[in-house]
Every structure is written in C-alpha cells, then in structure tokens.
Protein backbone atom coordinates (compact mmCIF):
# COMPACT_ATOMS: atom_id res chain seq x y z
CA MET A 1 -4.79 -0.67 32.48
CA ASN A 2 -2.49 0.60 35.23
CA ALA A 3 -1.12 3.78 33.63
CA GLN A 4 1.67 4.12 36.21
CA TYR A 5 3.05 0.64 35.50
CA PHE A 6 2.72 1.24 31.77
CA ASP A 7 4.71 4.49 31.91
CA ARG A 8 7.40 2.81 34.05
CA ALA A 9 7.54 -0.04 31.53
CA ARG A 10 8.07 2.40 28.67
CA SER A 11 10.84 4.15 30.58
CA ALA A 12 12.57 0.81 31.20
CA TYR A 13 12.22 -0.04 27.52
CA ARG A 14 13.83 3.26 26.49
CA ALA A 15 16.68 2.63 28.93
CA GLY A 16 17.31 -0.83 27.47
CA ASP A 17 16.18 -2.69 30.60
CA TYR A 18 14.09 -5.16 28.61
CA SER A 19 13.67 -7.64 31.45
CA ALA A 20 12.04 -5.06 33.71
CA ALA A 21 10.04 -3.67 30.77
CA ALA A 22 8.58 -7.09 29.93
CA GLN A 23 7.52 -7.69 33.52
CA MET A 24 5.96 -4.26 33.97
CA PHE A 25 4.11 -4.33 30.62
CA LEU A 26 2.49 -7.55 31.85
CA ALA A 27 1.81 -6.10 35.30
CA ALA A 28 0.18 -3.02 33.74
CA LYS A 29 -2.69 -5.18 32.43
CA ASP A 30 -5.73 -5.88 34.57
CA PRO A 31 -6.70 -9.58 34.90
CA GLY A 32 -8.32 -10.73 31.66
CA GLU A 33 -7.78 -7.32 30.02
CA LEU A 34 -6.98 -7.08 26.29
CA ALA A 35 -4.21 -4.51 25.86
CA GLY A 36 -2.69 -4.71 22.40
CA GLU A 37 -0.11 -1.96 22.86
CA ALA A 38 1.24 -3.37 26.13
CA ASP A 39 1.45 -6.91 24.71
CA HIS A 40 3.06 -5.58 21.52
CA LEU A 41 5.83 -3.84 23.44
CA ARG A 42 6.14 -6.81 25.78
CA GLY A 43 6.71 -9.04 22.75
CA ASN A 44 9.40 -6.65 21.49
CA SER A 45 11.08 -6.73 24.91
CA LEU A 46 11.08 -10.53 24.96
CA MET A 47 12.57 -10.61 21.45
CA LYS A 48 15.40 -8.39 22.70
CA LEU A 49 15.97 -10.89 25.51
CA GLY A 50 16.07 -13.85 23.09
CA LEU A 51 12.91 -15.39 24.62
CA PHE A 52 11.41 -16.08 21.22
CA SER A 53 8.64 -18.52 22.21
CA ASP A 54 7.43 -16.16 24.92
CA ALA A 55 7.56 -13.28 22.44
CA ALA A 56 5.40 -15.24 19.97
CA GLN A 57 2.79 -15.73 22.70
CA ALA A 58 2.89 -12.03 23.61
CA TYR A 59 2.18 -11.10 19.98
CA ALA A 60 -0.68 -13.63 19.99
CA ASP A 61 -2.10 -11.86 23.05
CA ALA A 62 -1.81 -8.50 21.27
CA LEU A 63 -3.65 -9.91 18.25
CA GLU A 64 -6.64 -10.75 20.46
CA ASP A 65 -7.17 -7.02 21.00
CA THR A 66 -8.88 -6.32 17.66
CA SER A 67 -9.37 -2.66 18.58
CA TYR A 68 -5.58 -2.20 18.59
CA GLY A 69 -5.15 -3.24 14.95
CA LYS A 70 -1.66 -3.55 13.47
CA SER A 71 -2.27 -7.22 12.74
CA GLY A 72 0.16 -7.24 9.80
CA ALA A 73 3.06 -5.95 11.91
CA LEU A 74 2.14 -8.22 14.84
CA LEU A 75 1.93 -11.31 12.63
CA THR A 76 5.24 -10.45 10.97
CA ASN A 77 6.90 -10.09 14.38
CA GLN A 78 5.31 -13.35 15.47
CA GLY A 79 6.66 -15.05 12.36
CA LYS A 80 10.15 -13.76 13.18
CA ALA A 81 9.79 -15.08 16.73
CA TYR A 82 8.68 -18.51 15.53
CA ALA A 83 11.51 -18.66 12.96
CA ALA A 84 14.09 -17.70 15.59
CA SER A 85 12.76 -20.42 17.90
CA GLY A 86 13.04 -23.01 15.10
CA ASP A 87 9.29 -23.50 14.51
CA LEU A 88 9.43 -22.81 10.76
CA HIS A 89 5.97 -24.19 9.97
CA ALA A 90 4.37 -21.84 12.48
CA ALA A 91 6.49 -19.02 11.08
CA VAL A 92 5.15 -19.74 7.57
CA ASP A 93 1.58 -19.58 8.90
CA SER A 94 2.18 -16.21 10.62
CA PHE A 95 3.99 -14.62 7.68
CA THR A 96 1.30 -15.85 5.27
CA ALA A 97 -1.44 -14.36 7.45
CA ALA A 98 0.49 -11.05 7.59
CA THR A 99 0.57 -10.81 3.78
CA LYS A 100 -3.24 -10.97 3.73
CA ASP A 101 -3.68 -7.87 5.90
CA ALA A 102 -4.73 -5.23 3.38
CA SER A 103 -3.96 -2.43 5.87
CA TYR A 104 -0.35 -3.52 6.44
CA ALA A 105 1.85 -0.68 5.18
CA THR A 106 4.98 -2.74 4.48
CA PRO A 107 3.94 -6.24 3.34
CA TYR A 108 7.31 -6.87 1.70
CA LYS A 109 8.71 -7.55 5.20
CA ALA A 110 6.26 -10.41 5.64
CA PHE A 111 7.05 -11.77 2.16
CA ILE A 112 10.79 -11.75 2.89
CA GLY A 113 10.25 -13.55 6.20
CA LEU A 114 8.00 -16.07 4.44
CA ALA A 115 10.54 -16.65 1.68
CA ASN A 116 13.42 -17.26 4.09
CA ALA A 117 11.32 -19.71 6.14
CA GLN A 118 10.29 -21.60 2.98
CA MET A 119 13.92 -21.80 1.85
CA LYS A 120 14.94 -23.32 5.18
CA LEU A 121 12.14 -25.86 4.78
CA GLY A 122 13.43 -26.74 1.31
CA ASN A 123 10.38 -25.33 -0.50
CA VAL A 124 12.38 -23.51 -3.17
CA ALA A 125 9.52 -22.78 -5.60
CA GLU A 126 7.34 -21.35 -2.81
CA ALA A 127 10.29 -19.27 -1.60
CA GLY A 128 10.76 -17.94 -5.14
CA VAL A 129 7.14 -16.80 -5.30
CA ALA A 130 7.53 -14.97 -1.99
CA PHE A 131 10.83 -13.32 -2.98
CA ARG A 132 9.20 -12.14 -6.21
CA SER A 133 6.26 -10.66 -4.25
CA ALA A 134 8.73 -8.84 -1.98
CA ALA A 135 10.65 -7.49 -4.98
CA ILE A 136 7.61 -6.05 -6.78
CA ASP A 137 6.03 -4.59 -3.63
CA GLY A 138 5.98 -0.83 -4.14
CA THR A 139 6.75 -0.18 -0.47
CA ASN A 140 10.06 -2.08 -0.67
CA PRO A 141 12.81 0.59 -0.71
CA ALA A 142 15.55 -1.92 -1.59
CA PRO A 143 14.26 -4.66 -3.94
CA ALA A 144 17.74 -5.76 -5.10
CA SER A 145 18.17 -8.23 -2.24
CA ALA A 146 14.85 -9.96 -2.96
CA LEU A 147 15.64 -10.08 -6.70
CA ALA A 148 19.05 -11.62 -6.03
CA SER A 149 17.43 -14.21 -3.76
CA LEU A 150 14.92 -14.94 -6.50
CA GLY A 151 17.90 -15.63 -8.78
CA ASP A 152 19.24 -18.08 -6.19
CA CYS A 153 15.89 -19.89 -6.29
CA PHE A 154 16.02 -20.16 -10.07
CA VAL A 155 19.52 -21.64 -9.85
CA LYS A 156 18.31 -24.28 -7.38
CA LEU A 157 15.38 -25.04 -9.69
CA GLY A 158 17.76 -25.68 -12.61
CA ARG A 159 16.67 -22.58 -14.54
CA PRO A 160 19.91 -20.60 -15.04
CA ALA A 161 18.54 -18.41 -17.86
CA ASP A 162 15.81 -17.11 -15.54
CA ALA A 163 18.41 -16.67 -12.81
CA VAL A 164 20.45 -14.48 -15.18
CA GLU A 165 17.46 -12.19 -15.73
CA SER A 166 16.83 -11.94 -11.98
CA TYR A 167 20.44 -11.07 -11.17
CA LEU A 168 20.62 -8.50 -13.97
CA THR A 169 17.46 -6.84 -12.68
CA ALA A 170 18.88 -6.89 -9.14
CA LEU A 171 21.95 -5.02 -10.38
CA ASP A 172 19.63 -2.36 -11.84
CA TYR A 173 18.21 -1.74 -8.35
CA VAL A 174 21.37 -1.98 -6.24
CA GLY A 175 21.28 0.42 -3.30
CA ALA A 176 23.78 1.71 -0.75
CA HIS A 177 23.41 -1.38 1.45
CA ASP A 178 23.64 -3.98 -1.34
CA ASP A 179 26.86 -5.66 -2.48
CA PRO A 180 26.90 -5.69 -6.31
CA ARG A 181 30.04 -7.84 -6.29
CA ALA A 182 28.22 -10.76 -4.68
CA ILE A 183 25.40 -10.41 -7.20
CA GLU A 184 27.93 -10.30 -10.07
CA ALA A 185 29.57 -13.48 -8.78
CA ASN A 186 26.24 -15.31 -8.64
CA LEU A 187 25.42 -13.94 -12.09
CA GLY A 188 28.69 -15.46 -13.33
CA CYS A 189 27.62 -18.88 -12.03
CA ALA A 190 24.24 -18.52 -13.73
CA TYR A 191 25.87 -17.49 -17.02
CA GLN A 192 28.19 -20.49 -16.87
CA ALA A 193 25.31 -22.86 -16.13
CA ALA A 194 23.43 -21.35 -19.09
CA GLY A 195 26.35 -22.05 -21.44
CA ARG A 196 27.39 -18.39 -21.77
CA SER A 197 31.04 -18.71 -20.75
CA ALA A 198 32.28 -15.37 -22.11
CA ASP A 199 29.55 -13.49 -20.20
CA ALA A 200 30.39 -15.55 -17.10
CA VAL A 201 34.06 -14.53 -17.29
CA ASP A 202 33.07 -10.86 -17.58
CA SER A 203 30.79 -11.11 -14.52
CA PHE A 204 33.41 -12.84 -12.40
CA ASN A 205 35.99 -10.23 -13.44
CA ARG A 206 33.65 -7.42 -12.36
CA ALA A 207 33.03 -9.16 -9.04
CA THR A 208 36.74 -9.46 -8.23
CA SER A 209 38.10 -6.34 -9.94
CA ASP A 210 38.66 -4.37 -6.71
CA GLY A 211 40.38 -7.29 -4.94
CA ILE A 212 37.95 -7.14 -2.00
CA TYR A 213 35.34 -9.75 -2.81
CA GLN A 214 36.49 -13.35 -2.36
CA LEU A 215 34.81 -15.98 -4.51
CA THR A 216 33.38 -19.04 -2.79
CA ALA A 217 34.72 -22.48 -3.71
CA GLU A 218 31.73 -23.08 -5.98
CA GLN A 219 32.12 -19.69 -7.65
CA SER A 220 35.86 -20.22 -8.14
CA GLU A 221 35.18 -23.57 -9.80
CA ALA A 222 32.61 -22.00 -12.14
CA PHE A 223 35.04 -19.16 -12.95
CA ALA A 224 37.79 -21.63 -13.87
CA ALA A 225 35.40 -23.63 -16.05
CA ALA A 226 34.18 -20.46 -17.78
CA ARG A 227 37.75 -19.36 -18.57
CA GLU A 228 38.60 -22.76 -20.02
CA ALA A 229 35.46 -22.79 -22.16
CA ALA A 230 36.10 -19.24 -23.37
CA VAL A 231 39.69 -20.13 -24.35
CA ALA A 232 38.48 -23.24 -26.19
CA GLN A 233 35.95 -21.21 -28.14
CA ARG A 234 38.61 -18.68 -29.16
CA GLN A 235 40.88 -21.49 -30.34
CA ILE A 236 38.08 -22.91 -32.47
CA VAL A 237 37.47 -19.49 -34.00
CA ASN A 238 41.18 -19.02 -34.74
CA ALA A 239 41.47 -22.48 -36.29
CA THR A 240 38.27 -22.52 -38.35
CA GLY A 241 37.39 -18.88 -38.76
CA SER A 242 33.83 -19.59 -37.62
CA VAL A 243 32.06 -19.01 -34.34
CA PRO A 244 31.07 -22.28 -32.60
CA VAL A 245 27.40 -22.95 -32.05
CA THR A 246 26.45 -22.41 -28.40
CA ALA A 247 23.30 -22.84 -26.41
CA ALA A 248 20.19 -21.14 -27.76
CA ASP A 249 19.55 -17.54 -26.76
CA PRO A 250 16.95 -17.79 -23.96
CA LEU A 251 15.31 -14.64 -25.31
CA ASP A 252 14.97 -16.16 -28.80
CA PRO A 253 15.14 -19.97 -28.59
CA MET A 254 13.71 -20.37 -32.10
CA GLY A 255 16.60 -18.49 -33.70
CA ALA A 256 16.30 -15.42 -35.89
CA THR A 257 12.52 -15.73 -36.18
CA GLY A 258 11.93 -13.66 -33.07
CA ASN A 259 9.35 -16.16 -31.83
CA PHE A 260 9.33 -17.39 -28.26
CA MET A 261 8.94 -20.87 -26.87
CA PRO A 262 7.81 -20.73 -23.22
CA ASP A 263 9.45 -22.97 -20.67
CA PRO A 264 6.85 -25.56 -19.55
CA SER A 265 8.14 -25.26 -16.00
CA ASP A 266 6.97 -21.64 -15.94
CA THR A 267 3.35 -22.79 -15.70
CA GLY A 268 1.88 -21.71 -12.40
CA PHE A 269 5.16 -20.38 -10.98
CA PHE A 270 4.12 -16.76 -11.37
CA THR A 271 0.78 -15.10 -11.93
CA MET A 272 1.47 -12.07 -14.10
CA THR A 273 -0.59 -8.93 -13.72
CA GLU A 274 -1.74 -6.97 -16.75
CA SER A 275 0.94 -4.36 -16.10
CA GLU A 276 3.65 -7.05 -15.97
CA MET A 277 2.40 -8.55 -19.21
CA ILE A 278 2.71 -5.14 -20.86
CA GLN A 279 6.29 -4.87 -19.59
CA GLU A 280 7.05 -8.35 -20.93
CA ASP A 281 5.64 -7.38 -24.34
CA LYS A 282 7.90 -4.33 -24.34
CA ARG A 283 10.94 -6.51 -23.56
CA ARG A 284 10.11 -8.89 -26.39
CA ALA A 285 9.57 -5.98 -28.77
CA LYS A 286 13.06 -4.79 -27.88
CA VAL A 287 14.50 -8.14 -28.96
CA ARG A 288 12.63 -7.98 -32.28
CA ARG A 289 13.95 -4.47 -32.92
CA LYS A 290 17.45 -5.84 -32.40
CA HIS A 291 16.91 -8.31 -35.24
CA ARG A 292 15.78 -5.45 -37.50
CA HIS A 293 19.03 -3.55 -36.79
CA THR A 294 17.25 -0.56 -35.24
CA GLY A 295 19.24 -0.68 -32.01
CA LEU A 296 21.78 1.91 -33.19
CA LYS A 297 19.08 4.51 -33.85
CA VAL A 298 17.57 3.92 -30.44
CA PHE A 299 21.01 4.19 -28.84
CA ILE A 300 21.68 7.57 -30.48
CA VAL A 301 18.34 8.95 -29.30
CA ILE A 302 18.97 7.70 -25.76
CA VAL A 303 22.43 9.33 -25.68
CA LEU A 304 20.95 12.68 -26.74
CA LEU A 305 18.24 12.44 -24.10
CA LEU A 306 20.80 11.53 -21.45
CA LEU A 307 22.92 14.57 -22.37
CA ILE A 308 19.92 16.87 -22.03
CA ALA A 309 18.84 15.23 -18.79
CA GLY A 310 22.39 15.41 -17.44
CA GLY A 311 22.51 19.17 -17.93
CA ALA A 312 19.19 19.62 -16.16
CA LEU A 313 20.22 17.34 -13.29
CA GLY A 314 23.48 19.25 -12.88
CA PHE A 315 21.59 22.51 -12.49
CA LEU A 316 19.19 20.97 -9.97
CA TYR A 317 22.12 19.46 -8.03
CA THR A 318 23.63 22.89 -7.42
CA ARG A 319 20.24 24.05 -6.09
CA GLY A 320 20.17 21.33 -3.43
CA PHE A 321 18.00 18.76 -5.10
CA GLY A 322 18.76 15.10 -4.39
CA PHE A 323 17.31 11.63 -4.09
CA PRO A 324 16.51 10.91 -1.38
CA SER A 325 15.59 14.53 -0.66
CA GLN A 326 15.91 16.26 2.70
CA GLN A 327 12.22 15.51 3.31
CA ASP A 328 12.70 11.84 2.38
CA ALA A 329 15.68 11.53 4.75
CA VAL A 330 13.76 12.96 7.73
CA SER A 331 10.60 10.92 7.07
CA GLY A 332 12.65 7.77 6.50
CA LEU A 333 14.59 8.25 9.74
CA LEU A 334 11.39 8.73 11.77
CA THR A 335 9.86 5.60 10.27
CA ALA A 336 13.06 3.55 10.76
CA VAL A 337 13.31 4.55 14.43
CA ALA A 338 9.61 3.90 15.06
CA GLU A 339 9.69 0.47 13.42
CA GLY A 340 13.15 -0.57 14.57
CA GLY A 341 14.46 -0.48 11.00
CA ASP A 342 17.85 0.42 9.52
CA THR A 343 18.64 4.03 10.45
CA ASP A 344 22.18 4.12 9.00
CA GLN A 345 20.88 4.69 5.46
CA TYR A 346 19.47 8.07 6.54
CA LEU A 347 22.44 9.23 8.65
CA SER A 348 25.69 10.77 7.47
CA PRO A 349 28.46 8.18 6.94
CA ARG A 350 30.85 10.62 8.61
CA LEU A 351 29.13 10.24 11.98
CA SER A 352 30.59 8.03 14.68
CA GLU A 353 28.44 5.27 16.16
CA ASP A 354 28.04 7.31 19.36
CA ASN A 355 26.73 10.31 17.42
CA LYS A 356 24.38 8.09 15.39
CA ASN A 357 23.02 6.58 18.61
CA ARG A 358 22.60 10.05 20.08
CA ILE A 359 20.50 11.20 17.12
CA VAL A 360 18.38 8.05 17.25
CA SER A 361 17.83 8.41 20.98
CA THR A 362 16.77 12.02 20.45
CA ILE A 363 13.71 10.96 18.44
CA GLU A 364 13.21 7.47 19.86
CA GLY A 365 9.64 6.55 20.50
CA ILE A 366 7.95 9.39 18.59
CA GLY A 367 5.88 6.58 17.03
CA GLU A 368 3.37 7.36 14.34
CA ALA A 369 4.19 10.90 13.27
CA THR A 370 4.68 12.99 10.17
CA ALA A 371 7.53 15.37 9.54
CA GLU A 372 7.56 18.51 7.41
CA VAL A 373 10.74 20.29 6.33
CA SER A 374 10.36 24.05 6.40
CA GLY A 375 12.74 26.96 6.27
CA LEU A 376 15.14 24.98 4.09
CA ASP A 377 18.48 26.63 3.37
CA ALA A 378 19.70 24.30 0.59
CA GLY A 379 23.23 24.25 -0.75
CA MET A 380 25.05 21.98 -3.17
CA THR A 381 26.70 19.81 -0.49
CA GLU A 382 25.11 20.94 2.80
CA SER A 383 21.64 22.06 3.87
CA ASP A 384 19.98 23.32 7.04
CA ALA A 385 16.29 23.10 7.83
CA THR A 386 13.66 23.46 10.50
CA VAL A 387 11.59 20.28 10.82
CA THR A 388 8.12 20.17 12.37
CA VAL A 389 7.03 16.74 13.62
CA SER A 390 3.27 16.26 14.05
CA LEU A 391 2.49 13.56 16.62
CA ALA A 392 -0.37 11.11 16.15
CA PRO A 393 -2.07 12.00 19.49
CA GLY A 394 -1.83 15.70 18.60
CA GLY A 395 0.74 18.42 19.11
CA THR A 396 4.06 19.08 17.41
CA LEU A 397 7.79 19.00 18.09
CA THR A 398 10.36 21.17 16.33
CA TYR A 399 13.92 20.20 15.36
CA GLU A 400 16.86 21.89 13.67
CA VAL A 401 18.46 19.51 11.18
CA HIS A 402 21.73 19.70 9.28
CA PHE A 403 22.08 17.62 6.09
CA VAL A 404 25.09 16.55 4.03
CA ARG A 405 25.34 14.61 0.81
CA SER A 406 25.23 10.83 1.28
CA ASP A 407 27.88 8.32 0.16
CA ASN A 408 26.57 8.29 -3.41
CA HIS A 409 26.78 12.13 -3.56
CA ILE A 410 23.25 12.21 -4.97
CA GLY A 411 20.91 12.08 -1.99
CA TRP A 412 20.90 13.72 1.43
CA ALA A 413 21.80 12.27 4.82
CA ILE A 414 21.26 13.69 8.31
CA GLU A 415 24.33 14.86 10.23
CA SER A 416 22.62 16.49 13.20
CA PHE A 417 19.06 16.38 14.57
CA GLU A 418 18.63 18.73 17.51
CA PRO A 419 15.41 19.61 19.35
CA TYR A 420 14.46 23.25 19.07
CA PHE A 421 13.28 24.26 22.52
CA GLY A 422 12.01 27.64 21.47
CA ASP A 423 8.72 25.98 20.44
CA VAL A 424 6.60 23.41 22.27
CA ASP A 425 3.71 21.20 21.20
CA GLU A 426 0.05 22.07 21.68
CA SER A 427 0.00 20.54 25.15
CA GLY A 428 2.83 22.85 26.25
CA SER A 429 5.33 20.00 26.65
CA SER A 430 8.70 19.80 24.94
CA ASP A 431 9.36 16.18 25.96
CA THR A 432 10.67 14.26 22.94
CA GLY A 433 11.06 10.88 24.69
CA ALA A 434 8.96 7.86 23.70
CA ALA A 435 9.35 4.10 23.32
CA ASP A 436 11.56 2.67 20.63
CA VAL A 437 10.13 -0.31 18.72
CA ALA A 438 12.98 -2.48 17.54
CA THR A 439 10.96 -5.00 15.57
CA ASP A 440 8.49 -4.44 12.74
CA ALA A 441 6.01 -2.27 14.60
CA THR A 442 4.56 1.20 14.68
CA VAL A 443 3.48 1.96 18.22
CA ASP A 444 2.40 5.27 19.75
CA PRO A 445 3.57 4.94 23.33
CA GLY A 446 2.67 8.56 23.93
CA SER A 447 -0.89 7.55 24.84
CA ALA A 448 -1.86 4.73 27.20
CA ALA A 449 -4.71 2.37 26.19
C-alpha cells in the first residue's frame, strides 16, 4: 500500500472532503492488493457522498481481506448501503450475515437494519423476530425503540394483547432519546384493539397531557372510540349496578383459575431461551399471587425497600455517583466517535452545536482505544477528571475533562474535553488527530496496513 496516499486520504476524510478521500483511498492500493482498512474507509466516504451502490462494492472489497476482520461491521454497513440504494433483498442478505459473526461487538445494529428491511418488504413476522433480537441484545444501550417497533409488528399481525405487553416493556426502558408520548399513543391503540377502552383512554391522555404530542388520524380515531366505549360502560354500570363483561384478560383467559391458554399463532414466532422461560414463569406467578390477594403485602415490602434504597442513593448522589458514570460517559463518547454513532447522549445539553463539534473533532479518529478516568474530583453536580486514553497501536493520550449532570440529573455528561499537552504518548507524539468513521465501524487509522 502507498502509505503517502493513505495518509493524504485520511487527512481529506477528517476535513470532510469525502470525494478526494474516496479517490485517494483507492489510489493507495497496489493493483490486485487486498486492503481492508482502505476499502472500509472508502466505503464510508462513498456513503457520505450518497453513492450507495459504490459504497456496497467497497465494503465487499474490504470483506475479501480476511486478515482485516470486522466482517460484522462491514456487512452491516453494506446492508445499510443496499437498503439506501433500494436493493432490500440484498440488504436482508448482508444484515443476516452480519448477525452470524460471533465476534461482532454490537449485533443489535444488524438486527435493527434487518428488521427495517423486512418491514419494507412486508415481512412483518420476520421483522418482529429481528426487532425482538435487537431488544434482548445485551449490547443494545437503548432497547425501547426496538421494543416499540416489536409492538407495531404485533399490531399488524392482529395480536393487540401482545402489542400491549411490548409497548409497556418499552416504556420501562425509555431513555433520553426516546419519546414516551409516541409509545403511549401506540399503546392506547393496542388497548383499544384489545377491548380495554378505559386503559386506552388513560394511555392517550398521558400521551397528550403536555400538549406537545399530536395524535395521528388513526390514533385520534381510536381515542374517540375508546372514550365512547368508556362512557357507555359507565352508563351501564350506573343503570344496572353491575360491571359489563369485557374481553378476557390476556394474562388469564380461563378466568379466575389462573391457567393459561397459549395463542396458537405464537408457535414458532419466538424461540425462548431457558432464562426467558424462567422470567415468563415469574410473570405468571405474579398473576397467581394477585388472585390470592397477596399483592398488598408485596406492595408494602417494595415501598419499604424503595425508601431504604432512596436514602442510600441520595447519599451516593452527593458523592458524585451517577448512571452513566463519568467513566461510562468518556468510554461511550470514544466509541460513538469511532463508530460514527450518536455523540449527543454523552455531551452536556447546555453545549452549543459548535462546541459539541469541537469536542468531537478533538478526539476524532482515535479508533480502537480504551479510556481510564483518574484523578477524579467528584461533586454533586460537577466533576473534573484526568482521562488517559490508551491507543490500540500503543501509546497514550491525556485529556482534562469537565463533567456536569445530564438532562435526567442522574448520570454525567461531558462539557469540555481538552488535550493535556503536558504528557505525550510512548512515541513522543501528542497528535490527537485520526480518521472519523461515520458508519458502523471501528477503524484504527493510526497505523497503515
């Protein structure tokens, strides 16, 4: 490989000149040479330029270099390129292959891409399976979106009771970048379709309570129907003094017996692991306890535990503890920059876009690296720390980082990330520049193949 061309290509990539970068990454290769890193970055450059078919071919070239590895990330990027170009069947093939790479660190990205492609092809059941896989993937930091999409699949499959469970679980995992109002509105539609009008009205009210979220035409129609049904039920109660019989409880379709009748359409839709079966048994046991009127005792115990835990958490909060922690925020930011992910979740919401871009550009292209927070001066709302970044090729970089509490006032976010020039890495260089990878990739441009 021509190292001079490769370095010039990386510089062009950092500067945002993706056209020049794509040409020079190609020129850096010798005729017939397999150069996975150069083709990977060339594919990313072509994606930035909107040349999706060319990008897909560049990723295919990178995959031929088996010594480079990163097949999961390359196949995921290739799937995105195919999907953007409109070749959904090819996208499905690439995403599916990516999910089978046991070394891929973030397979949920491939599952989400696969699910979206299957939805566009009209394969709702297959999309549901993929969304479920994305939701239960332990590397997925924000499973609420996949769970909500799984609920959408259940609605399309005519299974509103299962959709209700999916939306409720999604609300349990809502993060800073999720919109709980949209999930509540979809939950209201699922409740109404399941014959639970009163619950539907409550969900729609929660979705619209702040006056910001606007219901879609379909949601507005379901809301109106739910209100009418709820009023009719109240009138029946007032006239007869008895509660009208509604649809069977999906958790106990046999009535007060506590027995369960499985939905025949469940067969083959999911393959439950042993751990998931244990969790399902626990959920069913909870329903049976409800019938034995033990819920109040459990509630009292939970309240006491929450009071004790609240006191402990309050003490820890004043000592600078948070979730995510300062270490989590730094590690997450490095990973997001290296893989072209969402960096806003790790940066202070008080920063302007220019300041956010400045921080990102400061650490752009570090690639595969690990960060360690040391010398932490932790306060209740602000913290300062020295961060040592160990580079994959060897050597370290040092930064001074200032943290503030994030929007939820629980975790930490980065407000400044400044290189500390008093120390240099093992090679004697304090250069922090490297190539940014905007798509799903982890590339170490600090060393030429």
